[in-house]
Structure formats: structure tokens, C-alpha cells
Amino acid sequence: MKVYDKLVRDKIPHIIESSGNKCEIERVSDEVALEYLYKKLGEEVNELLEDKNLDEITDIMEVLFAIGKKYGYSEYEVLNRRNEKRDTRGGFEDNLILKKTY
């Protein structure tokens, strides 16, 4: 038996049971889920720093969308705000490091 105590994607219990194993789950409130989402975000960022691949990037996005939803924002609203900020402040394509202002 392994003990996890971590937030998992919605279909993971079904996937575990389909493989012939059993699992114990607990459904928690949005407030508790937010705490676990922030932990999950840290896990996923660490995995990206190690593996540097598209799956890890999309896992981070999924966690961020879930956090946004807990605060009442849709994926559309999150992406729209991202585009607005990108239009007014730019992105990170130019690799600019601000050293000082005068």
C-alpha cells in the first residue's frame, strides 16, 4: 500500500481501478482543494525543471486553470487577460533582464 495525500486528476481513480488496483479517495471543499492545488503547482514546476517537456508545461497550465476556476475565472477569462497583458506589456520572447533603472 502506498500513501499519497495529493490532488489527482478526475479520471485517475477510474484508471487505477481499471488496472485491477483499488484506491481510497476523499472529495474535499474548494478551500481545501486550493491548498492542494498550490502544492500541486509546486510539484509540477519542479517536474518541469527536471524534465523540460511539453507534458509538464501542460500539467502546469491545467493546475493554473483549476486555480483560476476556484476563484471564479473561466479558462477563456484567464487566456483573455493573458492576451491583454501581452498586448500592453509584451511577452518574454526578447529575453530581457532588467538590471537597473535611473
PDB file of N, CA and C in Angstrom:
ATOM      1  N   MET A   1       0.844  -1.182   0.000  1.00  0.00           N
ATOM      2  CA  MET A   1       0.000   0.000   0.000  1.00  0.00           C
ATOM      3  C   MET A   1       0.891   1.248   0.000  1.00  0.00           C
ATOM      4  N   LYS A   2       0.572   2.197  -0.908  1.00  0.00           N
ATOM      5  CA  LYS A   2       1.255   3.493  -0.940  1.00  0.00           C
ATOM      6  C   LYS A   2       0.298   4.559  -0.439  1.00  0.00           C
ATOM      7  N   VAL A   3       0.816   5.509   0.299  1.00  0.00           N
ATOM      8  CA  VAL A   3       0.023   6.634   0.791  1.00  0.00           C
ATOM      9  C   VAL A   3       0.479   7.880   0.041  1.00  0.00           C
ATOM     10  N   TYR A   4      -0.467   8.612  -0.531  1.00  0.00           N
ATOM     11  CA  TYR A   4      -0.132   9.777  -1.349  1.00  0.00           C
ATOM     12  C   TYR A   4      -0.548  11.103  -0.725  1.00  0.00           C
ATOM     13  N   ASP A   5      -1.800  11.253  -0.358  1.00  0.00           N
ATOM     14  CA  ASP A   5      -2.352  12.514   0.129  1.00  0.00           C
ATOM     15  C   ASP A   5      -2.045  13.668  -0.817  1.00  0.00           C
ATOM     16  N   LYS A   6      -2.414  13.484  -2.092  1.00  0.00           N
ATOM     17  CA  LYS A   6      -2.207  14.547  -3.070  1.00  0.00           C
ATOM     18  C   LYS A   6      -3.387  14.624  -4.018  1.00  0.00           C
ATOM     19  N   LEU A   7      -3.585  15.790  -4.564  1.00  0.00           N
ATOM     20  CA  LEU A   7      -4.651  16.032  -5.523  1.00  0.00           C
ATOM     21  C   LEU A   7      -4.303  15.332  -6.829  1.00  0.00           C
ATOM     22  N   VAL A   8      -5.290  14.643  -7.402  1.00  0.00           N
ATOM     23  CA  VAL A   8      -5.077  13.968  -8.685  1.00  0.00           C
ATOM     24  C   VAL A   8      -6.155  14.392  -9.667  1.00  0.00           C
ATOM     25  N   ARG A   9      -5.882  14.161 -10.925  1.00  0.00           N
ATOM     26  CA  ARG A   9      -6.868  14.452 -11.968  1.00  0.00           C
ATOM     27  C   ARG A   9      -8.117  13.594 -11.759  1.00  0.00           C
ATOM     28  N   ASP A  10      -9.243  14.075 -12.270  1.00  0.00           N
ATOM     29  CA  ASP A  10     -10.549  13.465 -12.014  1.00  0.00           C
ATOM     30  C   ASP A  10     -10.665  12.003 -12.454  1.00  0.00           C
ATOM     31  N   LYS A  11      -9.971  11.622 -13.504  1.00  0.00           N
ATOM     32  CA  LYS A  11     -10.116  10.258 -14.032  1.00  0.00           C
ATOM     33  C   LYS A  11      -9.120   9.261 -13.433  1.00  0.00           C
ATOM     34  N   ILE A  12      -8.222   9.719 -12.585  1.00  0.00           N
ATOM     35  CA  ILE A  12      -7.193   8.839 -12.023  1.00  0.00           C
ATOM     36  C   ILE A  12      -7.793   7.685 -11.208  1.00  0.00           C
ATOM     37  N   PRO A  13      -8.792   7.905 -10.339  1.00  0.00           N
ATOM     38  CA  PRO A  13      -9.355   6.756  -9.616  1.00  0.00           C
ATOM     39  C   PRO A  13      -9.876   5.666 -10.558  1.00  0.00           C
ATOM     40  N   HIS A  14     -10.558   6.077 -11.625  1.00  0.00           N
ATOM     41  CA  HIS A  14     -11.077   5.106 -12.600  1.00  0.00           C
ATOM     42  C   HIS A  14      -9.926   4.368 -13.292  1.00  0.00           C
ATOM     43  N   ILE A  15      -8.887   5.102 -13.644  1.00  0.00           N
ATOM     44  CA  ILE A  15      -7.731   4.483 -14.302  1.00  0.00           C
ATOM     45  C   ILE A  15      -7.076   3.459 -13.373  1.00  0.00           C
ATOM     46  N   ILE A  16      -6.940   3.797 -12.101  1.00  0.00           N
ATOM     47  CA  ILE A  16      -6.349   2.875 -11.118  1.00  0.00           C
ATOM     48  C   ILE A  16      -7.196   1.611 -11.007  1.00  0.00           C
ATOM     49  N   GLU A  17      -8.503   1.785 -10.882  1.00  0.00           N
ATOM     50  CA  GLU A  17      -9.389   0.632 -10.711  1.00  0.00           C
ATOM     51  C   GLU A  17      -9.496  -0.195 -11.986  1.00  0.00           C
ATOM     52  N   SER A  18      -9.388   0.438 -13.152  1.00  0.00           N
ATOM     53  CA  SER A  18      -9.408  -0.289 -14.423  1.00  0.00           C
ATOM     54  C   SER A  18      -8.192  -1.193 -14.570  1.00  0.00           C
ATOM     55  N   SER A  19      -7.113  -0.827 -13.893  1.00  0.00           N
ATOM     56  CA  SER A  19      -5.895  -1.644 -13.975  1.00  0.00           C
ATOM     57  C   SER A  19      -5.904  -2.781 -12.957  1.00  0.00           C
ATOM     58  N   GLY A  20      -7.020  -2.921 -12.217  1.00  0.00           N
ATOM     59  CA  GLY A  20      -7.140  -4.011 -11.264  1.00  0.00           C
ATOM     60  C   GLY A  20      -6.740  -3.653  -9.846  1.00  0.00           C
ATOM     61  N   ASN A  21      -6.349  -2.437  -9.618  1.00  0.00           N
ATOM     62  CA  ASN A  21      -5.974  -1.985  -8.271  1.00  0.00           C
ATOM     63  C   ASN A  21      -7.147  -1.267  -7.618  1.00  0.00           C
ATOM     64  N   LYS A  22      -7.012  -1.002  -6.350  1.00  0.00           N
ATOM     65  CA  LYS A  22      -8.032  -0.268  -5.607  1.00  0.00           C
ATOM     66  C   LYS A  22      -7.407   1.013  -5.067  1.00  0.00           C
ATOM     67  N   CYS A  23      -8.250   1.988  -4.800  1.00  0.00           N
ATOM     68  CA  CYS A  23      -7.746   3.236  -4.233  1.00  0.00           C
ATOM     69  C   CYS A  23      -8.788   3.825  -3.295  1.00  0.00           C
ATOM     70  N   GLU A  24      -8.328   4.648  -2.419  1.00  0.00           N
ATOM     71  CA  GLU A  24      -9.205   5.369  -1.499  1.00  0.00           C
ATOM     72  C   GLU A  24      -9.105   6.844  -1.852  1.00  0.00           C
ATOM     73  N   ILE A  25     -10.236   7.485  -2.032  1.00  0.00           N
ATOM     74  CA  ILE A  25     -10.246   8.912  -2.361  1.00  0.00           C
ATOM     75  C   ILE A  25     -11.089   9.663  -1.348  1.00  0.00           C
ATOM     76  N   GLU A  26     -10.883  10.951  -1.299  1.00  0.00           N
ATOM     77  CA  GLU A  26     -11.692  11.835  -0.461  1.00  0.00           C
ATOM     78  C   GLU A  26     -12.041  13.063  -1.288  1.00  0.00           C
ATOM     79  N   ARG A  27     -13.297  13.419  -1.328  1.00  0.00           N
ATOM     80  CA  ARG A  27     -13.724  14.642  -2.014  1.00  0.00           C
ATOM     81  C   ARG A  27     -13.675  15.769  -0.989  1.00  0.00           C
ATOM     82  N   VAL A  28     -12.986  16.867  -1.324  1.00  0.00           N
ATOM     83  CA  VAL A  28     -12.796  17.963  -0.371  1.00  0.00           C
ATOM     84  C   VAL A  28     -13.458  19.241  -0.882  1.00  0.00           C
ATOM     85  N   SER A  29     -13.548  20.222  -0.017  1.00  0.00           N
ATOM     86  CA  SER A  29     -14.137  21.521  -0.378  1.00  0.00           C
ATOM     87  C   SER A  29     -13.196  22.277  -1.314  1.00  0.00           C
ATOM     88  N   ASP A  30     -13.717  23.312  -1.941  1.00  0.00           N
ATOM     89  CA  ASP A  30     -12.892  24.160  -2.812  1.00  0.00           C
ATOM     90  C   ASP A  30     -11.738  24.790  -2.035  1.00  0.00           C
ATOM     91  N   GLU A  31     -11.989  25.169  -0.794  1.00  0.00           N
ATOM     92  CA  GLU A  31     -10.943  25.804   0.016  1.00  0.00           C
ATOM     93  C   GLU A  31      -9.782  24.835   0.257  1.00  0.00           C
ATOM     94  N   VAL A  32     -10.114  23.614   0.602  1.00  0.00           N
ATOM     95  CA  VAL A  32      -9.078  22.601   0.827  1.00  0.00           C
ATOM     96  C   VAL A  32      -8.404  22.258  -0.495  1.00  0.00           C
ATOM     97  N   ALA A  33      -9.200  22.134  -1.555  1.00  0.00           N
ATOM     98  CA  ALA A  33      -8.643  21.816  -2.868  1.00  0.00           C
ATOM     99  C   ALA A  33      -7.635  22.882  -3.305  1.00  0.00           C
ATOM    100  N   LEU A  34      -7.909  24.149  -2.996  1.00  0.00           N
ATOM    101  CA  LEU A  34      -6.971  25.216  -3.341  1.00  0.00           C
ATOM    102  C   LEU A  34      -5.607  25.011  -2.689  1.00  0.00           C
ATOM    103  N   GLU A  35      -5.606  24.596  -1.425  1.00  0.00           N
ATOM    104  CA  GLU A  35      -4.339  24.314  -0.739  1.00  0.00           C
ATOM    105  C   GLU A  35      -3.574  23.219  -1.475  1.00  0.00           C
ATOM    106  N   TYR A  36      -4.293  22.164  -1.867  1.00  0.00           N
ATOM    107  CA  TYR A  36      -3.668  21.063  -2.595  1.00  0.00           C
ATOM    108  C   TYR A  36      -3.235  21.491  -3.998  1.00  0.00           C
ATOM    109  N   LEU A  37      -4.007  22.385  -4.625  1.00  0.00           N
ATOM    110  CA  LEU A  37      -3.625  22.883  -5.951  1.00  0.00           C
ATOM    111  C   LEU A  37      -2.320  23.669  -5.894  1.00  0.00           C
ATOM    112  N   TYR A  38      -2.151  24.464  -4.846  1.00  0.00           N
ATOM    113  CA  TYR A  38      -0.893  25.203  -4.722  1.00  0.00           C
ATOM    114  C   TYR A  38       0.285  24.251  -4.515  1.00  0.00           C
ATOM    115  N   LYS A  39       0.085  23.181  -3.736  1.00  0.00           N
ATOM    116  CA  LYS A  39       1.137  22.163  -3.593  1.00  0.00           C
ATOM    117  C   LYS A  39       1.409  21.482  -4.928  1.00  0.00           C
ATOM    118  N   LYS A  40       0.330  21.178  -5.652  1.00  0.00           N
ATOM    119  CA  LYS A  40       0.439  20.519  -6.955  1.00  0.00           C
ATOM    120  C   LYS A  40       1.199  21.407  -7.935  1.00  0.00           C
ATOM    121  N   LEU A  41       0.948  22.707  -7.885  1.00  0.00           N
ATOM    122  CA  LEU A  41       1.652  23.634  -8.763  1.00  0.00           C
ATOM    123  C   LEU A  41       3.154  23.558  -8.519  1.00  0.00           C
ATOM    124  N   GLY A  42       3.545  23.531  -7.254  1.00  0.00           N
ATOM    125  CA  GLY A  42       4.965  23.393  -6.926  1.00  0.00           C
ATOM    126  C   GLY A  42       5.550  22.094  -7.452  1.00  0.00           C
ATOM    127  N   GLU A  43       4.807  20.992  -7.286  1.00  0.00           N
ATOM    128  CA  GLU A  43       5.252  19.686  -7.812  1.00  0.00           C
ATOM    129  C   GLU A  43       5.472  19.757  -9.314  1.00  0.00           C
ATOM    130  N   GLU A  44       4.483  20.318 -10.000  1.00  0.00           N
ATOM    131  CA  GLU A  44       4.550  20.360 -11.463  1.00  0.00           C
ATOM    132  C   GLU A  44       5.678  21.262 -11.950  1.00  0.00           C
ATOM    133  N   VAL A  45       5.911  22.382 -11.278  1.00  0.00           N
ATOM    134  CA  VAL A  45       7.022  23.260 -11.655  1.00  0.00           C
ATOM    135  C   VAL A  45       8.344  22.519 -11.465  1.00  0.00           C
ATOM    136  N   ASN A  46       8.491  21.808 -10.358  1.00  0.00           N
ATOM    137  CA  ASN A  46       9.717  21.036 -10.130  1.00  0.00           C
ATOM    138  C   ASN A  46       9.907  19.965 -11.193  1.00  0.00           C
ATOM    139  N   GLU A  47       8.812  19.318 -11.608  1.00  0.00           N
ATOM    140  CA  GLU A  47       8.904  18.310 -12.665  1.00  0.00           C
ATOM    141  C   GLU A  47       9.331  18.951 -13.983  1.00  0.00           C
ATOM    142  N   LEU A  48       8.818  20.145 -14.276  1.00  0.00           N
ATOM    143  CA  LEU A  48       9.228  20.841 -15.496  1.00  0.00           C
ATOM    144  C   LEU A  48      10.711  21.195 -15.449  1.00  0.00           C
ATOM    145  N   LEU A  49      11.180  21.646 -14.296  1.00  0.00           N
ATOM    146  CA  LEU A  49      12.599  21.989 -14.177  1.00  0.00           C
ATOM    147  C   LEU A  49      13.485  20.769 -14.395  1.00  0.00           C
ATOM    148  N   GLU A  50      12.991  19.594 -14.059  1.00  0.00           N
ATOM    149  CA  GLU A  50      13.750  18.363 -14.279  1.00  0.00           C
ATOM    150  C   GLU A  50      13.613  17.844 -15.701  1.00  0.00           C
ATOM    151  N   ASP A  51      12.372  17.754 -16.193  1.00  0.00           N
ATOM    152  CA  ASP A  51      12.116  17.062 -17.452  1.00  0.00           C
ATOM    153  C   ASP A  51      12.018  17.967 -18.679  1.00  0.00           C
ATOM    154  N   LYS A  52      11.681  19.232 -18.492  1.00  0.00           N
ATOM    155  CA  LYS A  52      11.630  20.217 -19.572  1.00  0.00           C
ATOM    156  C   LYS A  52      10.933  19.694 -20.836  1.00  0.00           C
ATOM    157  N   ASN A  53       9.638  19.320 -20.682  1.00  0.00           N
ATOM    158  CA  ASN A  53       8.908  18.829 -21.846  1.00  0.00           C
ATOM    159  C   ASN A  53       7.489  19.380 -21.888  1.00  0.00           C
ATOM    160  N   LEU A  54       6.834  19.170 -23.012  1.00  0.00           N
ATOM    161  CA  LEU A  54       5.502  19.723 -23.243  1.00  0.00           C
ATOM    162  C   LEU A  54       4.475  19.202 -22.236  1.00  0.00           C
ATOM    163  N   ASP A  55       4.569  17.934 -21.862  1.00  0.00           N
ATOM    164  CA  ASP A  55       3.615  17.393 -20.888  1.00  0.00           C
ATOM    165  C   ASP A  55       3.676  18.148 -19.570  1.00  0.00           C
ATOM    166  N   GLU A  56       4.860  18.469 -19.116  1.00  0.00           N
ATOM    167  CA  GLU A  56       4.994  19.195 -17.843  1.00  0.00           C
ATOM    168  C   GLU A  56       4.448  20.615 -17.964  1.00  0.00           C
ATOM    169  N   ILE A  57       4.658  21.246 -19.113  1.00  0.00           N
ATOM    170  CA  ILE A  57       4.109  22.588 -19.345  1.00  0.00           C
ATOM    171  C   ILE A  57       2.585  22.535 -19.296  1.00  0.00           C
ATOM    172  N   THR A  58       1.993  21.544 -19.959  1.00  0.00           N
ATOM    173  CA  THR A  58       0.529  21.458 -19.969  1.00  0.00           C
ATOM    174  C   THR A  58      -0.022  21.070 -18.597  1.00  0.00           C
ATOM    175  N   ASP A  59       0.725  20.289 -17.814  1.00  0.00           N
ATOM    176  CA  ASP A  59       0.286  19.978 -16.452  1.00  0.00           C
ATOM    177  C   ASP A  59       0.215  21.250 -15.607  1.00  0.00           C
ATOM    178  N   ILE A  60       1.196  22.119 -15.761  1.00  0.00           N
ATOM    179  CA  ILE A  60       1.187  23.397 -15.032  1.00  0.00           C
ATOM    180  C   ILE A  60      -0.014  24.231 -15.452  1.00  0.00           C
ATOM    181  N   MET A  61      -0.268  24.278 -16.757  1.00  0.00           N
ATOM    182  CA  MET A  61      -1.424  25.043 -17.236  1.00  0.00           C
ATOM    183  C   MET A  61      -2.728  24.501 -16.666  1.00  0.00           C
ATOM    184  N   GLU A  62      -2.856  23.184 -16.608  1.00  0.00           N
ATOM    185  CA  GLU A  62      -4.084  22.573 -16.074  1.00  0.00           C
ATOM    186  C   GLU A  62      -4.286  22.965 -14.612  1.00  0.00           C
ATOM    187  N   VAL A  63      -3.207  22.948 -13.840  1.00  0.00           N
ATOM    188  CA  VAL A  63      -3.305  23.353 -12.433  1.00  0.00           C
ATOM    189  C   VAL A  63      -3.677  24.834 -12.342  1.00  0.00           C
ATOM    190  N   LEU A  64      -3.072  25.672 -13.163  1.00  0.00           N
ATOM    191  CA  LEU A  64      -3.388  27.105 -13.142  1.00  0.00           C
ATOM    192  C   LEU A  64      -4.838  27.370 -13.529  1.00  0.00           C
ATOM    193  N   PHE A  65      -5.344  26.647 -14.528  1.00  0.00           N
ATOM    194  CA  PHE A  65      -6.748  26.798 -14.900  1.00  0.00           C
ATOM    195  C   PHE A  65      -7.661  26.366 -13.753  1.00  0.00           C
ATOM    196  N   ALA A  66      -7.284  25.302 -13.047  1.00  0.00           N
ATOM    197  CA  ALA A  66      -8.089  24.831 -11.909  1.00  0.00           C
ATOM    198  C   ALA A  66      -8.090  25.871 -10.790  1.00  0.00           C
ATOM    199  N   ILE A  67      -6.938  26.478 -10.531  1.00  0.00           N
ATOM    200  CA  ILE A  67      -6.869  27.538  -9.515  1.00  0.00           C
ATOM    201  C   ILE A  67      -7.752  28.707  -9.935  1.00  0.00           C
ATOM    202  N   GLY A  68      -7.649  29.114 -11.184  1.00  0.00           N
ATOM    203  CA  GLY A  68      -8.482  30.196 -11.693  1.00  0.00           C
ATOM    204  C   GLY A  68      -9.962  29.896 -11.535  1.00  0.00           C
ATOM    205  N   LYS A  69     -10.344  28.654 -11.831  1.00  0.00           N
ATOM    206  CA  LYS A  69     -11.757  28.267 -11.710  1.00  0.00           C
ATOM    207  C   LYS A  69     -12.225  28.354 -10.256  1.00  0.00           C
ATOM    208  N   LYS A  70     -11.368  27.981  -9.308  1.00  0.00           N
ATOM    209  CA  LYS A  70     -11.737  28.075  -7.889  1.00  0.00           C
ATOM    210  C   LYS A  70     -11.991  29.524  -7.488  1.00  0.00           C
ATOM    211  N   TYR A  71     -11.330  30.466  -8.168  1.00  0.00           N
ATOM    212  CA  TYR A  71     -11.540  31.887  -7.896  1.00  0.00           C
ATOM    213  C   TYR A  71     -12.646  32.486  -8.775  1.00  0.00           C
ATOM    214  N   GLY A  72     -13.297  31.633  -9.572  1.00  0.00           N
ATOM    215  CA  GLY A  72     -14.430  32.083 -10.371  1.00  0.00           C
ATOM    216  C   GLY A  72     -14.090  32.533 -11.784  1.00  0.00           C
ATOM    217  N   TYR A  73     -12.894  32.234 -12.271  1.00  0.00           N
ATOM    218  CA  TYR A  73     -12.496  32.641 -13.618  1.00  0.00           C
ATOM    219  C   TYR A  73     -12.515  31.448 -14.566  1.00  0.00           C
ATOM    220  N   SER A  74     -13.040  31.666 -15.764  1.00  0.00           N
ATOM    221  CA  SER A  74     -13.045  30.612 -16.776  1.00  0.00           C
ATOM    222  C   SER A  74     -11.685  30.581 -17.480  1.00  0.00           C
ATOM    223  N   GLU A  75     -11.434  29.482 -18.199  1.00  0.00           N
ATOM    224  CA  GLU A  75     -10.202  29.402 -18.984  1.00  0.00           C
ATOM    225  C   GLU A  75     -10.148  30.562 -19.979  1.00  0.00           C
ATOM    226  N   TYR A  76     -11.301  30.878 -20.585  1.00  0.00           N
ATOM    227  CA  TYR A  76     -11.366  31.989 -21.533  1.00  0.00           C
ATOM    228  C   TYR A  76     -10.920  33.290 -20.871  1.00  0.00           C
ATOM    229  N   GLU A  77     -11.418  33.566 -19.660  1.00  0.00           N
ATOM    230  CA  GLU A  77     -11.055  34.802 -18.965  1.00  0.00           C
ATOM    231  C   GLU A  77      -9.557  34.844 -18.651  1.00  0.00           C
ATOM    232  N   VAL A  78      -9.018  33.715 -18.232  1.00  0.00           N
ATOM    233  CA  VAL A  78      -7.583  33.661 -17.927  1.00  0.00           C
ATOM    234  C   VAL A  78      -6.766  33.915 -19.190  1.00  0.00           C
ATOM    235  N   LEU A  79      -7.115  33.234 -20.270  1.00  0.00           N
ATOM    236  CA  LEU A  79      -6.368  33.417 -21.521  1.00  0.00           C
ATOM    237  C   LEU A  79      -6.573  34.816 -22.100  1.00  0.00           C
ATOM    238  N   ASN A  80      -7.788  35.358 -21.973  1.00  0.00           N
ATOM    239  CA  ASN A  80      -8.054  36.704 -22.471  1.00  0.00           C
ATOM    240  C   ASN A  80      -7.217  37.734 -21.713  1.00  0.00           C
ATOM    241  N   ARG A  81      -7.140  37.595 -20.375  1.00  0.00           N
ATOM    242  CA  ARG A  81      -6.333  38.521 -19.577  1.00  0.00           C
ATOM    243  C   ARG A  81      -4.859  38.390 -19.950  1.00  0.00           C
ATOM    244  N   ARG A  82      -4.415  37.162 -20.154  1.00  0.00           N
ATOM    245  CA  ARG A  82      -3.027  36.938 -20.583  1.00  0.00           C
ATOM    246  C   ARG A  82      -2.763  37.689 -21.893  1.00  0.00           C
ATOM    247  N   ASN A  83      -3.687  37.585 -22.844  1.00  0.00           N
ATOM    248  CA  ASN A  83      -3.505  38.260 -24.131  1.00  0.00           C
ATOM    249  C   ASN A  83      -3.531  39.776 -23.980  1.00  0.00           C
ATOM    250  N   GLU A  84      -4.406  40.297 -23.114  1.00  0.00           N
ATOM    251  CA  GLU A  84      -4.450  41.742 -22.868  1.00  0.00           C
ATOM    252  C   GLU A  84      -3.112  42.225 -22.306  1.00  0.00           C
ATOM    253  N   LYS A  85      -2.585  41.502 -21.320  1.00  0.00           N
ATOM    254  CA  LYS A  85      -1.306  41.896 -20.712  1.00  0.00           C
ATOM    255  C   LYS A  85      -0.173  41.783 -21.725  1.00  0.00           C
ATOM    256  N   ARG A  86      -0.237  40.749 -22.545  1.00  0.00           N
ATOM    257  CA  ARG A  86       0.783  40.563 -23.581  1.00  0.00           C
ATOM    258  C   ARG A  86       0.756  41.730 -24.572  1.00  0.00           C
ATOM    259  N   ASP A  87      -0.466  42.161 -24.933  1.00  0.00           N
ATOM    260  CA  ASP A  87      -0.597  43.276 -25.872  1.00  0.00           C
ATOM    261  C   ASP A  87      -0.066  44.581 -25.287  1.00  0.00           C
ATOM    262  N   THR A  88      -0.297  44.821 -23.991  1.00  0.00           N
ATOM    263  CA  THR A  88       0.112  46.092 -23.396  1.00  0.00           C
ATOM    264  C   THR A  88       1.529  46.076 -22.836  1.00  0.00           C
ATOM    265  N   ARG A  89       1.982  44.937 -22.330  1.00  0.00           N
ATOM    266  CA  ARG A  89       3.284  44.873 -21.662  1.00  0.00           C
ATOM    267  C   ARG A  89       4.292  43.976 -22.379  1.00  0.00           C
ATOM    268  N   GLY A  90       3.801  43.196 -23.341  1.00  0.00           N
ATOM    269  CA  GLY A  90       4.673  42.289 -24.077  1.00  0.00           C
ATOM    270  C   GLY A  90       4.739  40.919 -23.434  1.00  0.00           C
ATOM    271  N   GLY A  91       5.504  40.047 -24.094  1.00  0.00           N
ATOM    272  CA  GLY A  91       5.717  38.694 -23.578  1.00  0.00           C
ATOM    273  C   GLY A  91       7.144  38.591 -23.064  1.00  0.00           C
ATOM    274  N   PHE A  92       7.754  37.447 -23.263  1.00  0.00           N
ATOM    275  CA  PHE A  92       9.121  37.224 -22.793  1.00  0.00           C
ATOM    276  C   PHE A  92      10.030  36.718 -23.913  1.00  0.00           C
ATOM    277  N   GLU A  93       9.671  36.993 -25.161  1.00  0.00           N
ATOM    278  CA  GLU A  93      10.445  36.499 -26.298  1.00  0.00           C
ATOM    279  C   GLU A  93      11.829  37.120 -26.428  1.00  0.00           C
ATOM    280  N   ASP A  94      11.989  38.359 -26.002  1.00  0.00           N
ATOM    281  CA  ASP A  94      13.259  39.091 -26.215  1.00  0.00           C
ATOM    282  C   ASP A  94      14.326  38.805 -25.165  1.00  0.00           C
ATOM    283  N   ASN A  95      14.009  37.990 -24.174  1.00  0.00           N
ATOM    284  CA  ASN A  95      14.989  37.595 -23.139  1.00  0.00           C
ATOM    285  C   ASN A  95      15.634  38.802 -22.447  1.00  0.00           C
ATOM    286  N   LEU A  96      14.830  39.766 -22.074  1.00  0.00           N
ATOM    287  CA  LEU A  96      15.329  40.994 -21.463  1.00  0.00           C
ATOM    288  C   LEU A  96      15.475  40.831 -19.943  1.00  0.00           C
ATOM    289  N   ILE A  97      16.640  41.183 -19.424  1.00  0.00           N
ATOM    290  CA  ILE A  97      16.896  41.173 -17.988  1.00  0.00           C
ATOM    291  C   ILE A  97      17.056  42.611 -17.538  1.00  0.00           C
ATOM    292  N   LEU A  98      16.153  43.122 -16.712  1.00  0.00           N
ATOM    293  CA  LEU A  98      16.238  44.487 -16.199  1.00  0.00           C
ATOM    294  C   LEU A  98      17.266  44.509 -15.081  1.00  0.00           C
ATOM    295  N   LYS A  99      18.313  45.297 -15.264  1.00  0.00           N
ATOM    296  CA  LYS A  99      19.378  45.374 -14.271  1.00  0.00           C
ATOM    297  C   LYS A  99      19.219  46.577 -13.342  1.00  0.00           C
ATOM    298  N   LYS A 100      18.906  47.743 -13.912  1.00  0.00           N
ATOM    299  CA  LYS A 100      18.797  48.968 -13.119  1.00  0.00           C
ATOM    300  C   LYS A 100      17.837  49.930 -13.797  1.00  0.00           C
ATOM    301  N   THR A 101      17.309  50.838 -13.012  1.00  0.00           N
ATOM    302  CA  THR A 101      16.594  51.989 -13.567  1.00  0.00           C
ATOM    303  C   THR A 101      17.215  53.239 -12.968  1.00  0.00           C
ATOM    304  N   TYR A 102      17.141  54.348 -13.691  1.00  0.00           N
ATOM    305  CA  TYR A 102      17.740  55.601 -13.238  1.00  0.00           C
ATOM    306  C   TYR A 102      16.709  56.699 -13.257  1.00  0.00           C
TER     307      TYR A 102
END
